[in-house]
C-alpha atoms as a PDB file:
ATOM      1  CA  MET A   1     -93.116   7.285 -17.768  1.00  0.00           C
ATOM      2  CA  GLN A   2     -92.022   7.109 -21.387  1.00  0.00           C
ATOM      3  CA  THR A   3     -88.439   7.292 -22.600  1.00  0.00           C
ATOM      4  CA  LEU A   4     -88.169   9.561 -25.626  1.00  0.00           C
ATOM      5  CA  VAL A   5     -84.518   9.076 -26.534  1.00  0.00           C
ATOM      6  CA  GLY A   6     -81.373   7.397 -25.329  1.00  0.00           C
ATOM      7  CA  TRP A   7     -77.782   8.513 -25.590  1.00  0.00           C
ATOM      8  CA  HIS A   8     -74.807   6.267 -25.996  1.00  0.00           C
ATOM      9  CA  ILE A   9     -71.490   7.637 -24.814  1.00  0.00           C
ATOM     10  CA  GLU A  10     -68.299   6.004 -25.988  1.00  0.00           C
ATOM     11  CA  LEU A  11     -65.086   6.249 -23.983  1.00  0.00           C
ATOM     12  CA  GLU A  12     -61.748   4.933 -25.162  1.00  0.00           C
ATOM     13  CA  PHE A  13     -58.499   4.969 -23.218  1.00  0.00           C
ATOM     14  CA  GLN A  14     -54.878   4.962 -24.244  1.00  0.00           C
ATOM     15  CA  GLU A  15     -52.158   4.271 -21.693  1.00  0.00           C
ATOM     16  CA  GLU A  16     -48.603   5.380 -22.369  1.00  0.00           C
ATOM     17  CA  ASN A  17     -45.985   5.397 -19.639  1.00  0.00           C
ATOM     18  CA  ASP A  18     -47.317   7.681 -16.901  1.00  0.00           C
ATOM     19  CA  ARG A  19     -50.120   9.174 -19.022  1.00  0.00           C
ATOM     20  CA  THR A  20     -53.676   8.079 -19.628  1.00  0.00           C
ATOM     21  CA  ARG A  21     -55.695   9.698 -22.387  1.00  0.00           C
ATOM     22  CA  ALA A  22     -59.452   9.389 -22.749  1.00  0.00           C
ATOM     23  CA  ALA A  23     -61.491  10.132 -25.860  1.00  0.00           C
ATOM     24  CA  ALA A  24     -65.247  10.531 -25.420  1.00  0.00           C
ATOM     25  CA  MET A  25     -68.041  10.837 -27.953  1.00  0.00           C
ATOM     26  CA  VAL A  26     -71.804  11.219 -27.660  1.00  0.00           C
ATOM     27  CA  ARG A  27     -74.289  11.197 -30.537  1.00  0.00           C
ATOM     28  CA  LEU A  28     -77.613  12.902 -29.883  1.00  0.00           C
ATOM     29  CA  ALA A  29     -80.981  12.012 -31.382  1.00  0.00           C
ATOM     30  CA  ASP A  30     -80.768  15.062 -33.702  1.00  0.00           C
ATOM     31  CA  GLY A  31     -77.545  13.679 -35.211  1.00  0.00           C
ATOM     32  CA  THR A  32     -75.245  16.095 -33.385  1.00  0.00           C
ATOM     33  CA  GLU A  33     -71.986  14.546 -32.232  1.00  0.00           C
ATOM     34  CA  PHE A  34     -69.749  15.926 -29.533  1.00  0.00           C
ATOM     35  CA  ARG A  35     -66.202  14.726 -28.944  1.00  0.00           C
ATOM     36  CA  SER A  36     -63.825  15.523 -26.140  1.00  0.00           C
ATOM     37  CA  HIS A  37     -60.577  14.419 -24.570  1.00  0.00           C
ATOM     38  CA  GLY A  38     -59.242  14.068 -21.062  1.00  0.00           C
ATOM     39  CA  LEU A  39     -55.737  13.510 -19.753  1.00  0.00           C
ATOM     40  CA  ALA A  40     -54.340  12.129 -16.525  1.00  0.00           C
ATOM     41  CA  GLN A  41     -50.656  12.040 -15.674  1.00  0.00           C
ATOM     42  CA  ARG A  42     -49.276  10.016 -12.814  1.00  0.00           C
ATOM     43  CA  HIS A  43     -46.699  11.648 -10.584  1.00  0.00           C
ATOM     44  CA  PRO A  44     -43.416   9.676 -10.688  1.00  0.00           C
ATOM     45  CA  SER A  45     -43.633   8.928  -6.967  1.00  0.00           C
ATOM     46  CA  ASP A  46     -47.187   7.518  -7.201  1.00  0.00           C
ATOM     47  CA  PRO A  47     -47.780   3.782  -7.622  1.00  0.00           C
ATOM     48  CA  GLU A  48     -48.983   2.592 -11.021  1.00  0.00           C
ATOM     49  CA  GLN A  49     -52.787   2.290 -10.890  1.00  0.00           C
ATOM     50  CA  LEU A  50     -54.189   2.187 -14.417  1.00  0.00           C
ATOM     51  CA  ARG A  51     -57.790   2.249 -13.205  1.00  0.00           C
ATOM     52  CA  VAL A  52     -57.237   5.546 -11.385  1.00  0.00           C
ATOM     53  CA  GLY A  53     -55.728   7.124 -14.498  1.00  0.00           C
ATOM     54  CA  GLU A  54     -58.722   5.959 -16.523  1.00  0.00           C
ATOM     55  CA  GLU A  55     -61.143   7.377 -13.969  1.00  0.00           C
ATOM     56  CA  ILE A  56     -59.451  10.782 -13.940  1.00  0.00           C
ATOM     57  CA  ALA A  57     -58.971  11.035 -17.708  1.00  0.00           C
ATOM     58  CA  GLY A  58     -62.505   9.734 -18.297  1.00  0.00           C
ATOM     59  CA  ALA A  59     -64.019  12.190 -15.835  1.00  0.00           C
ATOM     60  CA  ARG A  60     -62.206  15.085 -17.506  1.00  0.00           C
ATOM     61  CA  ALA A  61     -63.444  14.007 -20.942  1.00  0.00           C
ATOM     62  CA  LEU A  62     -67.005  13.673 -19.628  1.00  0.00           C
ATOM     63  CA  MET A  63     -66.799  17.112 -17.985  1.00  0.00           C
ATOM     64  CA  GLU A  64     -65.870  18.584 -21.362  1.00  0.00           C
ATOM     65  CA  LEU A  65     -68.811  16.751 -23.000  1.00  0.00           C
ATOM     66  CA  ALA A  66     -71.096  18.171 -20.310  1.00  0.00           C
ATOM     67  CA  SER A  67     -69.833  21.673 -21.047  1.00  0.00           C
ATOM     68  CA  GLN A  68     -70.521  21.242 -24.768  1.00  0.00           C
ATOM     69  CA  LEU A  69     -74.032  19.933 -24.069  1.00  0.00           C
ATOM     70  CA  LEU A  70     -74.766  22.885 -21.777  1.00  0.00           C
ATOM     71  CA  GLN A  71     -73.582  25.290 -24.468  1.00  0.00           C
ATOM     72  CA  LYS A  72     -75.828  23.609 -27.055  1.00  0.00           C
ATOM     73  CA  ALA A  73     -78.824  23.858 -24.700  1.00  0.00           C
ATOM     74  CA  HIS A  74     -78.006  27.507 -23.970  1.00  0.00           C
ATOM     75  CA  THR A  75     -77.909  28.306 -27.689  1.00  0.00           C
ATOM     76  CA  GLU A  76     -81.213  26.513 -28.300  1.00  0.00           C
ATOM     77  CA  ILE A  77     -82.877  28.410 -25.439  1.00  0.00           C
ATOM     78  CA  ASP A  78     -81.677  31.713 -26.926  1.00  0.00           C
ATOM     79  CA  GLU A  79     -82.876  30.794 -30.412  1.00  0.00           C
ATOM     80  CA  ALA A  80     -86.310  29.668 -29.194  1.00  0.00           C
ATOM     81  CA  SER A  81     -86.859  32.675 -26.922  1.00  0.00           C
ATOM     82  CA  GLY A  82     -85.298  35.351 -29.113  1.00  0.00           C
ATOM     83  CA  ARG A  83     -83.352  36.759 -26.183  1.00  0.00           C
ATOM     84  CA  THR A  84     -80.114  36.147 -24.343  1.00  0.00           C
ATOM     85  CA  SER A  85     -80.453  33.729 -21.469  1.00  0.00           C
ATOM     86  CA  HIS A  86     -78.233  33.207 -18.466  1.00  0.00           C
ATOM     87  CA  MET A  87     -75.434  30.751 -19.040  1.00  0.00           C
ATOM     88  CA  LEU A  88     -76.355  27.317 -17.709  1.00  0.00           C
ATOM     89  CA  LYS A  89     -73.999  25.721 -15.209  1.00  0.00           C
END
């Protein structure tokens, strides 16, 4: 099996009080870059667990990246086939 390309995804987190923000970026082999953000907010009654905030905010940012990648693939399928395809999920 041969690997044709590799993707590197960057995730950065910012913690502020009860909020955790995540910024994600992926650069594809064709030079396309996608960026997204995710947010997690701790309920005042919950214990402070920074790792959990990072996991939630990071997951939300990655879900948005996934949505952008699916949309790109959908557009490329339409362009290559000359017809409208079903939205990928």
